[in-house]
Amino acid sequence: MFEYFEKYKLEVSDDIINKFSIFAEYLISENKKYNLTAICEPEQIIIKHFIDSVIILNYLDLPAGASMLDIGAGAGFPSVPLAVMRGDLNITCLDSSGKKINFIKSAADKLGLDNLDFICGRAEDLKVRESYDYAVSRAVARLNILCEFAAPVLKMGGIFCAYKAKDAQSEISEAADAFKILGLELVNNIKFELEGEERVLVIIKKIRATPGKYPRNFSQISKNPL
């Protein structure tokens, strides 16, 4: 496993590699019971889950003690790998599936992670506002919808990073109105290859207060996205 992290210039210790090995084994085991992920081959888990989750560390300088919300955490990506790599971050996993939140809780216990919190619920129902330094989301929804989830919970100057595939540019163009309405600004559009597949990190900054009426309820968001 070490060679994959080395290839992508990600520094890891023996303890970190051991935690990733434990997490991979646990994910494969539990996936047979609960269908947590379609990616279940060990090598693919390393590349498409672990490396893809933590490669953000090569591009964003996350200060120690920073707070982060993982919107739609699923089976714990990117939140669990980031928590393994950066024990100094305070990461909250948000997902509407109790099954998946319970899996992440159990995985955190097995890995001895104490920098993860958990919320079972929908992003549009969160009552907190301007509480997080960072928000991240991976393979959840289109960018204009994600922005409506992320903007209200970010502190002023906070950063939202959306993990996207090669069609990201069309989503960025589609989200132009959402940026303006929600007080966001596109900072960077980082492209990289992951074992031959193009991936994109869309980096967005909160530059103005988000109007209080956002986020709307999910039916409004889905029927009339910004």
C-alpha atoms as a PDB file:
ATOM      1  CA  MET A   1       0.000   0.000   0.000  1.00  0.00           C
ATOM      2  CA  PHE A   2       2.873   2.369   0.786  1.00  0.00           C
ATOM      3  CA  GLU A   3       3.912   2.669  -2.865  1.00  0.00           C
ATOM      4  CA  TYR A   4       0.582   4.198  -3.858  1.00  0.00           C
ATOM      5  CA  PHE A   5       0.904   6.992  -1.308  1.00  0.00           C
ATOM      6  CA  GLU A   6       4.523   7.530  -2.308  1.00  0.00           C
ATOM      7  CA  LYS A   7       3.532   7.770  -5.989  1.00  0.00           C
ATOM      8  CA  TYR A   8       1.169  10.642  -5.204  1.00  0.00           C
ATOM      9  CA  LYS A   9       3.649  12.351  -2.868  1.00  0.00           C
ATOM     10  CA  LEU A  10       1.597  11.707   0.260  1.00  0.00           C
ATOM     11  CA  GLU A  11       3.705  11.205   3.370  1.00  0.00           C
ATOM     12  CA  VAL A  12       2.584   8.315   5.539  1.00  0.00           C
ATOM     13  CA  SER A  13       3.905   6.524   8.607  1.00  0.00           C
ATOM     14  CA  ASP A  14       3.731   2.827   9.438  1.00  0.00           C
ATOM     15  CA  ASP A  15       0.875   3.615  11.836  1.00  0.00           C
ATOM     16  CA  ILE A  16      -1.113   5.366   9.100  1.00  0.00           C
ATOM     17  CA  ILE A  17      -0.602   2.475   6.683  1.00  0.00           C
ATOM     18  CA  ASN A  18      -1.679   0.042   9.392  1.00  0.00           C
ATOM     19  CA  LYS A  19      -4.880   2.034   9.992  1.00  0.00           C
ATOM     20  CA  PHE A  20      -5.668   2.067   6.270  1.00  0.00           C
ATOM     21  CA  SER A  21      -5.124  -1.704   6.110  1.00  0.00           C
ATOM     22  CA  ILE A  22      -7.526  -2.234   9.009  1.00  0.00           C
ATOM     23  CA  PHE A  23     -10.082   0.089   7.437  1.00  0.00           C
ATOM     24  CA  ALA A  24      -9.873  -1.671   4.054  1.00  0.00           C
ATOM     25  CA  GLU A  25     -10.384  -5.084   5.646  1.00  0.00           C
ATOM     26  CA  TYR A  26     -13.316  -3.821   7.700  1.00  0.00           C
ATOM     27  CA  LEU A  27     -14.904  -2.114   4.679  1.00  0.00           C
ATOM     28  CA  ILE A  28     -14.662  -5.295   2.591  1.00  0.00           C
ATOM     29  CA  SER A  29     -16.107  -7.389   5.424  1.00  0.00           C
ATOM     30  CA  GLU A  30     -19.030  -5.068   6.178  1.00  0.00           C
ATOM     31  CA  ASN A  31     -19.715  -4.392   2.511  1.00  0.00           C
ATOM     32  CA  LYS A  32     -20.768  -8.002   2.097  1.00  0.00           C
ATOM     33  CA  LYS A  33     -23.530  -7.388   4.645  1.00  0.00           C
ATOM     34  CA  TYR A  34     -24.629  -3.837   3.903  1.00  0.00           C
ATOM     35  CA  ASN A  35     -23.598  -2.916   0.330  1.00  0.00           C
ATOM     36  CA  LEU A  36     -21.710   0.193   1.417  1.00  0.00           C
ATOM     37  CA  THR A  37     -19.713   0.733  -1.772  1.00  0.00           C
ATOM     38  CA  ALA A  38     -19.470  -0.563  -5.326  1.00  0.00           C
ATOM     39  CA  ILE A  39     -15.679  -0.395  -5.046  1.00  0.00           C
ATOM     40  CA  CYS A  40     -14.639  -3.469  -3.104  1.00  0.00           C
ATOM     41  CA  GLU A  41     -11.374  -4.772  -4.621  1.00  0.00           C
ATOM     42  CA  PRO A  42      -8.420  -4.032  -2.262  1.00  0.00           C
ATOM     43  CA  GLU A  43      -6.322  -2.206  -4.884  1.00  0.00           C
ATOM     44  CA  GLN A  44      -9.294  -0.145  -6.039  1.00  0.00           C
ATOM     45  CA  ILE A  45     -10.153   0.770  -2.454  1.00  0.00           C
ATOM     46  CA  ILE A  46      -6.622   2.128  -1.993  1.00  0.00           C
ATOM     47  CA  ILE A  47      -6.692   4.154  -5.214  1.00  0.00           C
ATOM     48  CA  LYS A  48     -10.304   5.238  -5.638  1.00  0.00           C
ATOM     49  CA  HIS A  49     -11.215   5.651  -1.980  1.00  0.00           C
ATOM     50  CA  PHE A  50      -8.076   6.313   0.067  1.00  0.00           C
ATOM     51  CA  ILE A  51      -5.793   8.195  -2.344  1.00  0.00           C
ATOM     52  CA  ASP A  52      -8.686  10.054  -3.954  1.00  0.00           C
ATOM     53  CA  SER A  53      -9.889  11.169  -0.522  1.00  0.00           C
ATOM     54  CA  VAL A  54      -6.588  12.480   0.829  1.00  0.00           C
ATOM     55  CA  ILE A  55      -4.986  13.955  -2.283  1.00  0.00           C
ATOM     56  CA  ILE A  56      -6.602  17.238  -1.279  1.00  0.00           C
ATOM     57  CA  LEU A  57      -3.736  17.516   1.237  1.00  0.00           C
ATOM     58  CA  ASN A  58      -1.364  18.155  -1.672  1.00  0.00           C
ATOM     59  CA  TYR A  59      -3.324  21.224  -2.719  1.00  0.00           C
ATOM     60  CA  LEU A  60      -4.871  22.766   0.391  1.00  0.00           C
ATOM     61  CA  ASP A  61      -2.902  23.873   3.442  1.00  0.00           C
ATOM     62  CA  LEU A  62      -5.306  22.796   6.179  1.00  0.00           C
ATOM     63  CA  PRO A  63      -4.275  24.411   9.479  1.00  0.00           C
ATOM     64  CA  ALA A  64      -4.094  22.320  12.642  1.00  0.00           C
ATOM     65  CA  GLY A  65      -7.364  22.297  14.527  1.00  0.00           C
ATOM     66  CA  ALA A  66      -9.452  23.247  11.489  1.00  0.00           C
ATOM     67  CA  SER A  67     -13.084  22.108  11.482  1.00  0.00           C
ATOM     68  CA  MET A  68     -14.510  20.269   8.486  1.00  0.00           C
ATOM     69  CA  LEU A  69     -17.922  18.960   7.451  1.00  0.00           C
ATOM     70  CA  ASP A  70     -18.121  15.977   5.090  1.00  0.00           C
ATOM     71  CA  ILE A  71     -21.467  16.399   3.299  1.00  0.00           C
ATOM     72  CA  GLY A  72     -22.855  13.017   2.301  1.00  0.00           C
ATOM     73  CA  ALA A  73     -20.061  11.023   3.896  1.00  0.00           C
ATOM     74  CA  GLY A  74     -21.388   7.671   2.681  1.00  0.00           C
ATOM     75  CA  ALA A  75     -19.056   4.913   3.857  1.00  0.00           C
ATOM     76  CA  GLY A  76     -16.632   7.521   5.196  1.00  0.00           C
ATOM     77  CA  PHE A  77     -15.055   9.148   2.158  1.00  0.00           C
ATOM     78  CA  PRO A  78     -13.252  11.480   2.272  1.00  0.00           C
ATOM     79  CA  SER A  79     -13.729  11.961   6.039  1.00  0.00           C
ATOM     80  CA  VAL A  80     -12.192   8.773   7.459  1.00  0.00           C
ATOM     81  CA  PRO A  81      -9.006   8.781   5.321  1.00  0.00           C
ATOM     82  CA  LEU A  82      -8.533  12.495   6.083  1.00  0.00           C
ATOM     83  CA  ALA A  83      -8.988  11.791   9.790  1.00  0.00           C
ATOM     84  CA  VAL A  84      -6.375   9.022   9.569  1.00  0.00           C
ATOM     85  CA  MET A  85      -3.874  11.274   7.797  1.00  0.00           C
ATOM     86  CA  ARG A  86      -4.568  14.373   9.878  1.00  0.00           C
ATOM     87  CA  GLY A  87      -5.438  13.577  13.474  1.00  0.00           C
ATOM     88  CA  ASP A  88      -5.328  17.307  14.234  1.00  0.00           C
ATOM     89  CA  LEU A  89      -8.423  18.058  12.116  1.00  0.00           C
ATOM     90  CA  ASN A  90     -11.924  18.047  13.625  1.00  0.00           C
ATOM     91  CA  ILE A  91     -14.145  16.351  11.058  1.00  0.00           C
ATOM     92  CA  THR A  92     -17.909  15.870  11.183  1.00  0.00           C
ATOM     93  CA  CYS A  93     -19.434  13.116   9.039  1.00  0.00           C
ATOM     94  CA  LEU A  94     -22.931  13.944   7.780  1.00  0.00           C
ATOM     95  CA  ASP A  95     -25.114  11.383   6.039  1.00  0.00           C
ATOM     96  CA  SER A  96     -28.824  10.643   5.921  1.00  0.00           C
ATOM     97  CA  SER A  97     -28.223   6.884   6.132  1.00  0.00           C
ATOM     98  CA  GLY A  98     -28.097   5.560   9.670  1.00  0.00           C
ATOM     99  CA  LYS A  99     -26.518   2.368   8.344  1.00  0.00           C
ATOM    100  CA  LYS A 100     -23.591   4.289   6.911  1.00  0.00           C
ATOM    101  CA  ILE A 101     -23.151   6.565   9.920  1.00  0.00           C
ATOM    102  CA  ASN A 102     -23.090   3.505  12.187  1.00  0.00           C
ATOM    103  CA  PHE A 103     -20.467   1.924   9.930  1.00  0.00           C
ATOM    104  CA  ILE A 104     -18.264   5.024  10.134  1.00  0.00           C
ATOM    105  CA  LYS A 105     -18.650   5.105  13.934  1.00  0.00           C
ATOM    106  CA  SER A 106     -17.580   1.463  14.183  1.00  0.00           C
ATOM    107  CA  ALA A 107     -14.663   2.050  11.825  1.00  0.00           C
ATOM    108  CA  ALA A 108     -13.526   5.050  13.876  1.00  0.00           C
ATOM    109  CA  ASP A 109     -13.577   2.907  17.012  1.00  0.00           C
ATOM    110  CA  LYS A 110     -11.528   0.180  15.338  1.00  0.00           C
ATOM    111  CA  LEU A 111      -8.986   2.728  14.110  1.00  0.00           C
ATOM    112  CA  GLY A 112      -8.804   4.595  17.417  1.00  0.00           C
ATOM    113  CA  LEU A 113      -9.837   7.883  15.805  1.00  0.00           C
ATOM    114  CA  ASP A 114     -11.012  10.557  18.213  1.00  0.00           C
ATOM    115  CA  ASN A 115     -11.255  13.450  15.740  1.00  0.00           C
ATOM    116  CA  LEU A 116     -14.519  12.410  14.086  1.00  0.00           C
ATOM    117  CA  ASP A 117     -18.071  13.465  14.966  1.00  0.00           C
ATOM    118  CA  PHE A 118     -21.233  12.105  13.404  1.00  0.00           C
ATOM    119  CA  ILE A 119     -24.590  13.510  12.321  1.00  0.00           C
ATOM    120  CA  CYS A 120     -27.302  11.320  10.840  1.00  0.00           C
ATOM    121  CA  GLY A 121     -29.481  13.678   8.839  1.00  0.00           C
ATOM    122  CA  ARG A 122     -29.883  15.690   5.678  1.00  0.00           C
ATOM    123  CA  ALA A 123     -27.653  18.641   4.828  1.00  0.00           C
ATOM    124  CA  GLU A 124     -30.591  20.985   4.231  1.00  0.00           C
ATOM    125  CA  ASP A 125     -31.911  20.260   7.731  1.00  0.00           C
ATOM    126  CA  LEU A 126     -28.747  21.292   9.605  1.00  0.00           C
ATOM    127  CA  LYS A 127     -29.437  24.069  12.089  1.00  0.00           C
ATOM    128  CA  VAL A 128     -25.835  25.252  12.368  1.00  0.00           C
ATOM    129  CA  ARG A 129     -24.614  28.220  10.327  1.00  0.00           C
ATOM    130  CA  GLU A 130     -21.117  29.587   9.768  1.00  0.00           C
ATOM    131  CA  SER A 131     -19.615  26.855  11.970  1.00  0.00           C
ATOM    132  CA  TYR A 132     -17.006  25.119   9.771  1.00  0.00           C
ATOM    133  CA  ASP A 133     -13.689  26.206   8.289  1.00  0.00           C
ATOM    134  CA  TYR A 134     -14.016  23.670   5.484  1.00  0.00           C
ATOM    135  CA  ALA A 135     -16.696  21.578   3.815  1.00  0.00           C
ATOM    136  CA  VAL A 136     -16.028  18.663   1.482  1.00  0.00           C
ATOM    137  CA  SER A 137     -18.244  16.443  -0.609  1.00  0.00           C
ATOM    138  CA  ARG A 138     -17.481  13.520  -2.869  1.00  0.00           C
ATOM    139  CA  ALA A 139     -19.818  11.885  -5.402  1.00  0.00           C
ATOM    140  CA  VAL A 140     -23.023  13.250  -3.863  1.00  0.00           C
ATOM    141  CA  ALA A 141     -24.782  15.722  -6.199  1.00  0.00           C
ATOM    142  CA  ARG A 142     -24.193  18.337  -8.860  1.00  0.00           C
ATOM    143  CA  LEU A 143     -22.162  21.366  -7.853  1.00  0.00           C
ATOM    144  CA  ASN A 144     -24.978  23.929  -7.777  1.00  0.00           C
ATOM    145  CA  ILE A 145     -26.904  21.731  -5.336  1.00  0.00           C
ATOM    146  CA  LEU A 146     -23.834  21.036  -3.201  1.00  0.00           C
ATOM    147  CA  CYS A 147     -23.113  24.753  -2.912  1.00  0.00           C
ATOM    148  CA  GLU A 148     -26.527  25.340  -1.375  1.00  0.00           C
ATOM    149  CA  PHE A 149     -25.724  22.715   1.251  1.00  0.00           C
ATOM    150  CA  ALA A 150     -22.190  23.949   1.951  1.00  0.00           C
ATOM    151  CA  ALA A 151     -22.425  27.749   1.880  1.00  0.00           C
ATOM    152  CA  PRO A 152     -24.647  28.237   4.970  1.00  0.00           C
ATOM    153  CA  VAL A 153     -22.454  26.099   7.259  1.00  0.00           C
ATOM    154  CA  LEU A 154     -19.131  27.676   6.226  1.00  0.00           C
ATOM    155  CA  LYS A 155     -17.525  30.451   8.234  1.00  0.00           C
ATOM    156  CA  MET A 156     -16.748  33.656   6.371  1.00  0.00           C
ATOM    157  CA  GLY A 157     -13.638  32.933   4.336  1.00  0.00           C
ATOM    158  CA  GLY A 158     -14.263  29.190   4.635  1.00  0.00           C
ATOM    159  CA  ILE A 159     -13.486  26.788   1.818  1.00  0.00           C
ATOM    160  CA  PHE A 160     -15.679  24.225   0.104  1.00  0.00           C
ATOM    161  CA  CYS A 161     -13.936  21.483  -1.880  1.00  0.00           C
ATOM    162  CA  ALA A 162     -16.055  19.384  -4.232  1.00  0.00           C
ATOM    163  CA  TYR A 163     -14.464  16.167  -5.528  1.00  0.00           C
ATOM    164  CA  LYS A 164     -15.470  15.795  -9.173  1.00  0.00           C
ATOM    165  CA  ALA A 165     -14.739  13.788 -12.320  1.00  0.00           C
ATOM    166  CA  LYS A 166     -13.657  15.076 -15.719  1.00  0.00           C
ATOM    167  CA  ASP A 167     -16.991  16.771 -16.556  1.00  0.00           C
ATOM    168  CA  ALA A 168     -16.488  19.295 -13.748  1.00  0.00           C
ATOM    169  CA  GLN A 169     -16.307  22.293 -16.077  1.00  0.00           C
ATOM    170  CA  SER A 170     -19.925  21.915 -17.127  1.00  0.00           C
ATOM    171  CA  GLU A 171     -20.974  21.789 -13.468  1.00  0.00           C
ATOM    172  CA  ILE A 172     -18.896  24.874 -12.676  1.00  0.00           C
ATOM    173  CA  SER A 173     -20.602  26.800 -15.489  1.00  0.00           C
ATOM    174  CA  GLU A 174     -23.998  25.557 -14.329  1.00  0.00           C
ATOM    175  CA  ALA A 175     -23.263  26.746 -10.764  1.00  0.00           C
ATOM    176  CA  ALA A 176     -22.381  30.349 -11.709  1.00  0.00           C
ATOM    177  CA  ASP A 177     -25.697  31.731 -10.411  1.00  0.00           C
ATOM    178  CA  ALA A 178     -25.429  29.652  -7.236  1.00  0.00           C
ATOM    179  CA  PHE A 179     -22.017  31.188  -6.488  1.00  0.00           C
ATOM    180  CA  LYS A 180     -23.433  34.719  -6.737  1.00  0.00           C
ATOM    181  CA  ILE A 181     -26.606  34.042  -4.766  1.00  0.00           C
ATOM    182  CA  LEU A 182     -24.899  32.125  -1.948  1.00  0.00           C
ATOM    183  CA  GLY A 183     -21.900  34.429  -1.483  1.00  0.00           C
ATOM    184  CA  LEU A 184     -19.330  32.078  -2.987  1.00  0.00           C
ATOM    185  CA  GLU A 185     -16.378  32.504  -5.327  1.00  0.00           C
ATOM    186  CA  LEU A 186     -14.583  29.927  -7.443  1.00  0.00           C
ATOM    187  CA  VAL A 187     -10.926  29.883  -6.338  1.00  0.00           C
ATOM    188  CA  ASN A 188      -9.422  27.007  -8.274  1.00  0.00           C
ATOM    189  CA  ASN A 189     -10.212  24.067 -10.501  1.00  0.00           C
ATOM    190  CA  ILE A 190      -7.462  21.522  -9.848  1.00  0.00           C
ATOM    191  CA  LYS A 191      -7.104  18.677 -12.337  1.00  0.00           C
ATOM    192  CA  PHE A 192      -5.037  15.561 -11.736  1.00  0.00           C
ATOM    193  CA  GLU A 193      -4.884  11.976 -12.906  1.00  0.00           C
ATOM    194  CA  LEU A 194      -5.597   9.046 -10.656  1.00  0.00           C
ATOM    195  CA  GLU A 195      -4.339   5.853 -12.284  1.00  0.00           C
ATOM    196  CA  GLY A 196      -5.283   7.186 -15.731  1.00  0.00           C
ATOM    197  CA  GLU A 197      -8.619   8.729 -14.758  1.00  0.00           C
ATOM    198  CA  GLU A 198      -9.034  12.496 -14.682  1.00  0.00           C
ATOM    199  CA  ARG A 199     -10.199  13.891 -11.359  1.00  0.00           C
ATOM    200  CA  VAL A 200     -10.973  17.474 -10.380  1.00  0.00           C
ATOM    201  CA  LEU A 201     -11.002  19.334  -7.068  1.00  0.00           C
ATOM    202  CA  VAL A 202     -13.276  22.363  -7.305  1.00  0.00           C
ATOM    203  CA  ILE A 203     -12.150  24.867  -4.647  1.00  0.00           C
ATOM    204  CA  ILE A 204     -14.740  27.478  -3.648  1.00  0.00           C
ATOM    205  CA  LYS A 205     -14.454  30.258  -1.036  1.00  0.00           C
ATOM    206  CA  LYS A 206     -17.197  31.932   0.982  1.00  0.00           C
ATOM    207  CA  ILE A 207     -16.758  35.676   0.484  1.00  0.00           C
ATOM    208  CA  ARG A 208     -20.156  37.012   1.641  1.00  0.00           C
ATOM    209  CA  ALA A 209     -22.838  35.989   4.102  1.00  0.00           C
ATOM    210  CA  THR A 210     -25.284  33.461   2.701  1.00  0.00           C
ATOM    211  CA  PRO A 211     -28.896  34.738   2.735  1.00  0.00           C
ATOM    212  CA  GLY A 212     -30.866  33.209   5.596  1.00  0.00           C
ATOM    213  CA  LYS A 213     -33.440  31.522   3.369  1.00  0.00           C
ATOM    214  CA  TYR A 214     -30.805  29.049   2.163  1.00  0.00           C
ATOM    215  CA  PRO A 215     -30.700  26.109   2.215  1.00  0.00           C
ATOM    216  CA  ARG A 216     -34.264  25.563   1.039  1.00  0.00           C
ATOM    217  CA  ASN A 217     -36.084  22.283   1.603  1.00  0.00           C
ATOM    218  CA  PHE A 218     -35.010  19.421  -0.612  1.00  0.00           C
ATOM    219  CA  SER A 219     -38.059  19.450  -2.868  1.00  0.00           C
ATOM    220  CA  GLN A 220     -37.386  23.102  -3.736  1.00  0.00           C
ATOM    221  CA  ILE A 221     -33.688  22.437  -4.272  1.00  0.00           C
ATOM    222  CA  SER A 222     -34.311  19.452  -6.560  1.00  0.00           C
ATOM    223  CA  LYS A 223     -37.161  21.034  -8.529  1.00  0.00           C
ATOM    224  CA  ASN A 224     -35.553  24.451  -8.906  1.00  0.00           C
ATOM    225  CA  PRO A 225     -31.757  24.275  -8.354  1.00  0.00           C
ATOM    226  CA  LEU A 226     -29.918  27.588  -8.281  1.00  0.00           C
END
